[in-house]
Amino acid sequence: MENMTAQELLEQVNQAIVNITVGGQSYKIGSRQLNRADLNTLYKIKNDLMAQVAGSTPGFLDDCYVAVFDRR
């Protein structure tokens, strides 16, 4: 994992998100139980990696939009 690029890590995180979405957060086979990573944590990691791939660092106002409503 040390030598992986941000793009490669992003692909891994996206696959983990798909696995949770399709297969659920946890499952049990016999007496064994598997708990996958927390979905909210994966989304935070995804946002950070997307910013790295885009060439910027995550900031306070990322994903923030402004709307102007002009009464006419």
PDB file of N, CA and C in Angstrom:
ATOM      1  N   MET A   1       0.823  -1.192   0.000  1.00  0.00           N
ATOM      2  CA  MET A   1       0.000   0.000   0.000  1.00  0.00           C
ATOM      3  C   MET A   1       0.865   1.253   0.000  1.00  0.00           C
ATOM      4  N   GLU A   2       2.118   1.130   0.428  1.00  0.00           N
ATOM      5  CA  GLU A   2       3.008   2.275   0.474  1.00  0.00           C
ATOM      6  C   GLU A   2       3.285   2.844  -0.913  1.00  0.00           C
ATOM      7  N   ASN A   3       3.376   1.970  -1.915  1.00  0.00           N
ATOM      8  CA  ASN A   3       3.769   2.399  -3.249  1.00  0.00           C
ATOM      9  C   ASN A   3       2.586   2.725  -4.150  1.00  0.00           C
ATOM     10  N   MET A   4       1.395   2.688  -3.617  1.00  0.00           N
ATOM     11  CA  MET A   4       0.216   2.964  -4.436  1.00  0.00           C
ATOM     12  C   MET A   4       0.045   4.465  -4.631  1.00  0.00           C
ATOM     13  N   THR A   5      -0.379   4.842  -5.822  1.00  0.00           N
ATOM     14  CA  THR A   5      -0.653   6.244  -6.108  1.00  0.00           C
ATOM     15  C   THR A   5      -2.030   6.605  -5.556  1.00  0.00           C
ATOM     16  N   ALA A   6      -2.305   7.903  -5.517  1.00  0.00           N
ATOM     17  CA  ALA A   6      -3.611   8.359  -5.047  1.00  0.00           C
ATOM     18  C   ALA A   6      -4.718   7.804  -5.939  1.00  0.00           C
ATOM     19  N   GLN A   7      -4.458   7.720  -7.238  1.00  0.00           N
ATOM     20  CA  GLN A   7      -5.450   7.178  -8.172  1.00  0.00           C
ATOM     21  C   GLN A   7      -5.729   5.703  -7.885  1.00  0.00           C
ATOM     22  N   GLU A   8      -4.689   4.936  -7.617  1.00  0.00           N
ATOM     23  CA  GLU A   8      -4.866   3.519  -7.303  1.00  0.00           C
ATOM     24  C   GLU A   8      -5.620   3.329  -5.992  1.00  0.00           C
ATOM     25  N   LEU A   9      -5.281   4.143  -5.003  1.00  0.00           N
ATOM     26  CA  LEU A   9      -5.998   4.078  -3.721  1.00  0.00           C
ATOM     27  C   LEU A   9      -7.461   4.452  -3.893  1.00  0.00           C
ATOM     28  N   LEU A  10      -7.713   5.452  -4.730  1.00  0.00           N
ATOM     29  CA  LEU A  10      -9.085   5.882  -5.000  1.00  0.00           C
ATOM     30  C   LEU A  10      -9.885   4.741  -5.623  1.00  0.00           C
ATOM     31  N   GLU A  11      -9.273   4.006  -6.529  1.00  0.00           N
ATOM     32  CA  GLU A  11      -9.951   2.863  -7.146  1.00  0.00           C
ATOM     33  C   GLU A  11     -10.277   1.798  -6.104  1.00  0.00           C
ATOM     34  N   GLN A  12      -9.354   1.566  -5.174  1.00  0.00           N
ATOM     35  CA  GLN A  12      -9.589   0.593  -4.108  1.00  0.00           C
ATOM     36  C   GLN A  12     -10.726   1.039  -3.185  1.00  0.00           C
ATOM     37  N   VAL A  13     -10.754   2.311  -2.849  1.00  0.00           N
ATOM     38  CA  VAL A  13     -11.806   2.847  -1.987  1.00  0.00           C
ATOM     39  C   VAL A  13     -13.158   2.759  -2.694  1.00  0.00           C
ATOM     40  N   ASN A  14     -13.184   3.097  -3.984  1.00  0.00           N
ATOM     41  CA  ASN A  14     -14.432   2.988  -4.735  1.00  0.00           C
ATOM     42  C   ASN A  14     -14.934   1.549  -4.765  1.00  0.00           C
ATOM     43  N   GLN A  15     -14.026   0.592  -4.928  1.00  0.00           N
ATOM     44  CA  GLN A  15     -14.420  -0.819  -4.929  1.00  0.00           C
ATOM     45  C   GLN A  15     -14.958  -1.228  -3.556  1.00  0.00           C
ATOM     46  N   ALA A  16     -14.342  -0.734  -2.496  1.00  0.00           N
ATOM     47  CA  ALA A  16     -14.819  -1.039  -1.144  1.00  0.00           C
ATOM     48  C   ALA A  16     -16.227  -0.478  -0.931  1.00  0.00           C
ATOM     49  N   ILE A  17     -16.477   0.721  -1.448  1.00  0.00           N
ATOM     50  CA  ILE A  17     -17.806   1.327  -1.331  1.00  0.00           C
ATOM     51  C   ILE A  17     -18.828   0.485  -2.085  1.00  0.00           C
ATOM     52  N   VAL A  18     -18.477   0.030  -3.279  1.00  0.00           N
ATOM     53  CA  VAL A  18     -19.381  -0.827  -4.053  1.00  0.00           C
ATOM     54  C   VAL A  18     -19.654  -2.127  -3.304  1.00  0.00           C
ATOM     55  N   ASN A  19     -18.615  -2.725  -2.729  1.00  0.00           N
ATOM     56  CA  ASN A  19     -18.786  -3.978  -1.989  1.00  0.00           C
ATOM     57  C   ASN A  19     -19.755  -3.816  -0.826  1.00  0.00           C
ATOM     58  N   ILE A  20     -19.655  -2.702  -0.124  1.00  0.00           N
ATOM     59  CA  ILE A  20     -20.573  -2.455   1.002  1.00  0.00           C
ATOM     60  C   ILE A  20     -21.977  -2.194   0.495  1.00  0.00           C
ATOM     61  N   THR A  21     -22.087  -1.428  -0.591  1.00  0.00           N
ATOM     62  CA  THR A  21     -23.399  -1.106  -1.147  1.00  0.00           C
ATOM     63  C   THR A  21     -24.113  -2.360  -1.633  1.00  0.00           C
ATOM     64  N   VAL A  22     -23.379  -3.241  -2.289  1.00  0.00           N
ATOM     65  CA  VAL A  22     -23.978  -4.455  -2.846  1.00  0.00           C
ATOM     66  C   VAL A  22     -24.113  -5.558  -1.797  1.00  0.00           C
ATOM     67  N   GLY A  23     -23.065  -5.757  -0.994  1.00  0.00           N
ATOM     68  CA  GLY A  23     -23.035  -6.900  -0.091  1.00  0.00           C
ATOM     69  C   GLY A  23     -23.371  -6.617   1.348  1.00  0.00           C
ATOM     70  N   GLY A  24     -23.527  -5.366   1.697  1.00  0.00           N
ATOM     71  CA  GLY A  24     -23.855  -5.023   3.076  1.00  0.00           C
ATOM     72  C   GLY A  24     -22.627  -4.698   3.918  1.00  0.00           C
ATOM     73  N   GLN A  25     -22.865  -4.102   5.068  1.00  0.00           N
ATOM     74  CA  GLN A  25     -21.807  -3.669   5.968  1.00  0.00           C
ATOM     75  C   GLN A  25     -21.119  -4.847   6.650  1.00  0.00           C
ATOM     76  N   SER A  26     -21.877  -5.884   6.934  1.00  0.00           N
ATOM     77  CA  SER A  26     -21.296  -7.063   7.564  1.00  0.00           C
ATOM     78  C   SER A  26     -22.091  -8.298   7.153  1.00  0.00           C
ATOM     79  N   TYR A  27     -21.442  -9.442   7.268  1.00  0.00           N
ATOM     80  CA  TYR A  27     -22.144 -10.681   7.010  1.00  0.00           C
ATOM     81  C   TYR A  27     -21.530 -11.802   7.836  1.00  0.00           C
ATOM     82  N   LYS A  28     -22.288 -12.892   7.941  1.00  0.00           N
ATOM     83  CA  LYS A  28     -21.870 -14.004   8.790  1.00  0.00           C
ATOM     84  C   LYS A  28     -21.952 -15.301   7.992  1.00  0.00           C
ATOM     85  N   ILE A  29     -20.889 -16.091   8.092  1.00  0.00           N
ATOM     86  CA  ILE A  29     -20.860 -17.425   7.487  1.00  0.00           C
ATOM     87  C   ILE A  29     -20.523 -18.402   8.605  1.00  0.00           C
ATOM     88  N   GLY A  30     -21.475 -19.224   8.943  1.00  0.00           N
ATOM     89  CA  GLY A  30     -21.275 -20.151  10.056  1.00  0.00           C
ATOM     90  C   GLY A  30     -21.060 -19.375  11.346  1.00  0.00           C
ATOM     91  N   SER A  31     -19.940 -19.632  12.000  1.00  0.00           N
ATOM     92  CA  SER A  31     -19.643 -18.939  13.247  1.00  0.00           C
ATOM     93  C   SER A  31     -18.739 -17.723  13.025  1.00  0.00           C
ATOM     94  N   ARG A  32     -18.364 -17.473  11.775  1.00  0.00           N
ATOM     95  CA  ARG A  32     -17.479 -16.336  11.481  1.00  0.00           C
ATOM     96  C   ARG A  32     -18.283 -15.135  10.980  1.00  0.00           C
ATOM     97  N   GLN A  33     -17.846 -13.951  11.392  1.00  0.00           N
ATOM     98  CA  GLN A  33     -18.512 -12.725  10.967  1.00  0.00           C
ATOM     99  C   GLN A  33     -17.479 -11.758  10.409  1.00  0.00           C
ATOM    100  N   LEU A  34     -17.826 -11.102   9.292  1.00  0.00           N
ATOM    101  CA  LEU A  34     -16.953 -10.108   8.673  1.00  0.00           C
ATOM    102  C   LEU A  34     -17.634  -8.756   8.729  1.00  0.00           C
ATOM    103  N   ASN A  35     -16.947  -7.776   9.275  1.00  0.00           N
ATOM    104  CA  ASN A  35     -17.424  -6.394   9.282  1.00  0.00           C
ATOM    105  C   ASN A  35     -16.543  -5.591   8.346  1.00  0.00           C
ATOM    106  N   ARG A  36     -17.162  -4.944   7.377  1.00  0.00           N
ATOM    107  CA  ARG A  36     -16.423  -4.119   6.433  1.00  0.00           C
ATOM    108  C   ARG A  36     -16.196  -2.733   7.030  1.00  0.00           C
ATOM    109  N   ALA A  37     -15.376  -1.962   6.340  1.00  0.00           N
ATOM    110  CA  ALA A  37     -15.051  -0.607   6.788  1.00  0.00           C
ATOM    111  C   ALA A  37     -16.316   0.240   6.889  1.00  0.00           C
ATOM    112  N   ASP A  38     -16.255   1.266   7.713  1.00  0.00           N
ATOM    113  CA  ASP A  38     -17.361   2.195   7.883  1.00  0.00           C
ATOM    114  C   ASP A  38     -17.550   3.004   6.613  1.00  0.00           C
ATOM    115  N   LEU A  39     -18.769   3.046   6.102  1.00  0.00           N
ATOM    116  CA  LEU A  39     -19.057   3.721   4.841  1.00  0.00           C
ATOM    117  C   LEU A  39     -18.758   5.216   4.904  1.00  0.00           C
ATOM    118  N   ASN A  40     -19.084   5.876   6.007  1.00  0.00           N
ATOM    119  CA  ASN A  40     -18.804   7.315   6.131  1.00  0.00           C
ATOM    120  C   ASN A  40     -17.306   7.588   6.086  1.00  0.00           C
ATOM    121  N   THR A  41     -16.521   6.726   6.709  1.00  0.00           N
ATOM    122  CA  THR A  41     -15.071   6.881   6.683  1.00  0.00           C
ATOM    123  C   THR A  41     -14.545   6.712   5.263  1.00  0.00           C
ATOM    124  N   LEU A  42     -15.078   5.741   4.544  1.00  0.00           N
ATOM    125  CA  LEU A  42     -14.654   5.533   3.161  1.00  0.00           C
ATOM    126  C   LEU A  42     -14.967   6.748   2.295  1.00  0.00           C
ATOM    127  N   TYR A  43     -16.130   7.366   2.506  1.00  0.00           N
ATOM    128  CA  TYR A  43     -16.477   8.561   1.727  1.00  0.00           C
ATOM    129  C   TYR A  43     -15.519   9.727   2.040  1.00  0.00           C
ATOM    130  N   LYS A  44     -15.117   9.866   3.284  1.00  0.00           N
ATOM    131  CA  LYS A  44     -14.158  10.917   3.642  1.00  0.00           C
ATOM    132  C   LYS A  44     -12.807  10.663   2.978  1.00  0.00           C
ATOM    133  N   ILE A  45     -12.361   9.405   3.010  1.00  0.00           N
ATOM    134  CA  ILE A  45     -11.102   9.049   2.362  1.00  0.00           C
ATOM    135  C   ILE A  45     -11.213   9.293   0.865  1.00  0.00           C
ATOM    136  N   LYS A  46     -12.356   8.943   0.286  1.00  0.00           N
ATOM    137  CA  LYS A  46     -12.574   9.149  -1.147  1.00  0.00           C
ATOM    138  C   LYS A  46     -12.464  10.625  -1.511  1.00  0.00           C
ATOM    139  N   ASN A  47     -13.084  11.489  -0.722  1.00  0.00           N
ATOM    140  CA  ASN A  47     -13.015  12.930  -0.992  1.00  0.00           C
ATOM    141  C   ASN A  47     -11.582  13.442  -0.927  1.00  0.00           C
ATOM    142  N   ASP A  48     -10.816  12.983   0.060  1.00  0.00           N
ATOM    143  CA  ASP A  48      -9.417  13.396   0.174  1.00  0.00           C
ATOM    144  C   ASP A  48      -8.600  12.916  -1.028  1.00  0.00           C
ATOM    145  N   LEU A  49      -8.815  11.677  -1.429  1.00  0.00           N
ATOM    146  CA  LEU A  49      -8.074  11.139  -2.573  1.00  0.00           C
ATOM    147  C   LEU A  49      -8.465  11.829  -3.874  1.00  0.00           C
ATOM    148  N   MET A  50      -9.741  12.146  -4.022  1.00  0.00           N
ATOM    149  CA  MET A  50     -10.181  12.862  -5.225  1.00  0.00           C
ATOM    150  C   MET A  50      -9.509  14.230  -5.309  1.00  0.00           C
ATOM    151  N   ALA A  51      -9.350  14.881  -4.171  1.00  0.00           N
ATOM    152  CA  ALA A  51      -8.669  16.180  -4.145  1.00  0.00           C
ATOM    153  C   ALA A  51      -7.198  16.010  -4.510  1.00  0.00           C
ATOM    154  N   GLN A  52      -6.566  14.943  -4.029  1.00  0.00           N
ATOM    155  CA  GLN A  52      -5.165  14.693  -4.366  1.00  0.00           C
ATOM    156  C   GLN A  52      -5.006  14.417  -5.850  1.00  0.00           C
ATOM    157  N   VAL A  53      -5.900  13.630  -6.405  1.00  0.00           N
ATOM    158  CA  VAL A  53      -5.835  13.311  -7.831  1.00  0.00           C
ATOM    159  C   VAL A  53      -6.060  14.574  -8.664  1.00  0.00           C
ATOM    160  N   ALA A  54      -6.938  15.441  -8.186  1.00  0.00           N
ATOM    161  CA  ALA A  54      -7.224  16.689  -8.908  1.00  0.00           C
ATOM    162  C   ALA A  54      -6.106  17.713  -8.741  1.00  0.00           C
ATOM    163  N   GLY A  55      -5.185  17.475  -7.811  1.00  0.00           N
ATOM    164  CA  GLY A  55      -4.060  18.386  -7.631  1.00  0.00           C
ATOM    165  C   GLY A  55      -4.265  19.461  -6.601  1.00  0.00           C
ATOM    166  N   SER A  56      -5.270  19.303  -5.779  1.00  0.00           N
ATOM    167  CA  SER A  56      -5.499  20.291  -4.724  1.00  0.00           C
ATOM    168  C   SER A  56      -5.614  19.568  -3.398  1.00  0.00           C
ATOM    169  N   THR A  57      -5.586  20.331  -2.347  1.00  0.00           N
ATOM    170  CA  THR A  57      -5.783  19.749  -1.028  1.00  0.00           C
ATOM    171  C   THR A  57      -7.205  20.046  -0.577  1.00  0.00           C
ATOM    172  N   PRO A  58      -7.793  19.154   0.189  1.00  0.00           N
ATOM    173  CA  PRO A  58      -9.152  19.405   0.655  1.00  0.00           C
ATOM    174  C   PRO A  58      -9.202  20.652   1.536  1.00  0.00           C
ATOM    175  N   GLY A  59     -10.173  21.480   1.275  1.00  0.00           N
ATOM    176  CA  GLY A  59     -10.269  22.719   2.031  1.00  0.00           C
ATOM    177  C   GLY A  59     -11.607  22.880   2.707  1.00  0.00           C
ATOM    178  N   PHE A  60     -11.726  23.972   3.386  1.00  0.00           N
ATOM    179  CA  PHE A  60     -12.923  24.247   4.173  1.00  0.00           C
ATOM    180  C   PHE A  60     -14.157  24.398   3.291  1.00  0.00           C
ATOM    181  N   LEU A  61     -14.008  25.012   2.121  1.00  0.00           N
ATOM    182  CA  LEU A  61     -15.160  25.295   1.272  1.00  0.00           C
ATOM    183  C   LEU A  61     -15.259  24.387   0.060  1.00  0.00           C
ATOM    184  N   ASP A  62     -14.579  23.238   0.071  1.00  0.00           N
ATOM    185  CA  ASP A  62     -14.719  22.287  -1.025  1.00  0.00           C
ATOM    186  C   ASP A  62     -16.162  21.818  -1.099  1.00  0.00           C
ATOM    187  N   ASP A  63     -16.625  21.568  -2.291  1.00  0.00           N
ATOM    188  CA  ASP A  63     -17.999  21.114  -2.530  1.00  0.00           C
ATOM    189  C   ASP A  63     -19.026  22.112  -2.015  1.00  0.00           C
ATOM    190  N   CYS A  64     -18.678  23.376  -2.043  1.00  0.00           N
ATOM    191  CA  CYS A  64     -19.571  24.429  -1.588  1.00  0.00           C
ATOM    192  C   CYS A  64     -20.013  25.246  -2.810  1.00  0.00           C
ATOM    193  N   TYR A  65     -21.285  25.518  -2.911  1.00  0.00           N
ATOM    194  CA  TYR A  65     -21.811  26.242  -4.046  1.00  0.00           C
ATOM    195  C   TYR A  65     -22.556  27.475  -3.554  1.00  0.00           C
ATOM    196  N   VAL A  66     -22.623  28.481  -4.415  1.00  0.00           N
ATOM    197  CA  VAL A  66     -23.315  29.717  -4.083  1.00  0.00           C
ATOM    198  C   VAL A  66     -24.447  29.908  -5.082  1.00  0.00           C
ATOM    199  N   ALA A  67     -25.609  30.243  -4.579  1.00  0.00           N
ATOM    200  CA  ALA A  67     -26.753  30.523  -5.437  1.00  0.00           C
ATOM    201  C   ALA A  67     -27.181  31.960  -5.186  1.00  0.00           C
ATOM    202  N   VAL A  68     -27.510  32.642  -6.265  1.00  0.00           N
ATOM    203  CA  VAL A  68     -27.978  34.029  -6.169  1.00  0.00           C
ATOM    204  C   VAL A  68     -29.425  34.049  -6.639  1.00  0.00           C
ATOM    205  N   PHE A  69     -30.309  34.482  -5.769  1.00  0.00           N
ATOM    206  CA  PHE A  69     -31.721  34.591  -6.121  1.00  0.00           C
ATOM    207  C   PHE A  69     -32.048  36.060  -6.291  1.00  0.00           C
ATOM    208  N   ASP A  70     -32.388  36.406  -7.505  1.00  0.00           N
ATOM    209  CA  ASP A  70     -32.686  37.790  -7.840  1.00  0.00           C
ATOM    210  C   ASP A  70     -34.187  37.936  -8.024  1.00  0.00           C
ATOM    211  N   ARG A  71     -34.799  38.718  -7.147  1.00  0.00           N
ATOM    212  CA  ARG A  71     -36.247  38.905  -7.222  1.00  0.00           C
ATOM    213  C   ARG A  71     -36.552  39.881  -8.344  1.00  0.00           C
ATOM    214  N   ARG A  72     -37.302  39.394  -9.282  1.00  0.00           N
ATOM    215  CA  ARG A  72     -37.685  40.271 -10.410  1.00  0.00           C
ATOM    216  C   ARG A  72     -39.166  40.327 -10.544  1.00  0.00           C
TER     217      ARG A  72
END
